Amino acid sequence: MANRDGVLQFARGGGEMVQAAVLLAVCLLIGLISLALSAWVVISGQLFTIDGLLMLALSLTVGAFFVGDFAWSVHKGEVRGILDQLRSRKKESGPEGTTAREGKA
């Protein structure tokens, strides 16, 4: 769910946070792979063939969509929210891997 600034607020359970983190990781991975494929087409000299031009156009289009989605998430602050949630979870856990509340009981 988003607050008035458009930044995601994650539930205490963390299910939405994990889902958003995996989605952003997959978007970044697919985007980087498609950009690497575009670089490979140019470096290998297939740029001026029909196959190379089509592969370049497709990989740049796919890369633009997926990297654009990741960039929009960075712009809206979703990535920062995910990282803050992960950092706060690490601070809550004690040195033995138990949460702070379990250690006090």
Foldseek 3Di string as FASTA:
>chain_A
DADPLREDDDDPVCPVLVVVVVLLVVLVVLLVVLVVQLVVLVVVVVCPPPVSVVSNVVSVVSNCVSVVVNVVCVVSCHVVNSVVVVVVQVVQADPVRHGVVVVVD
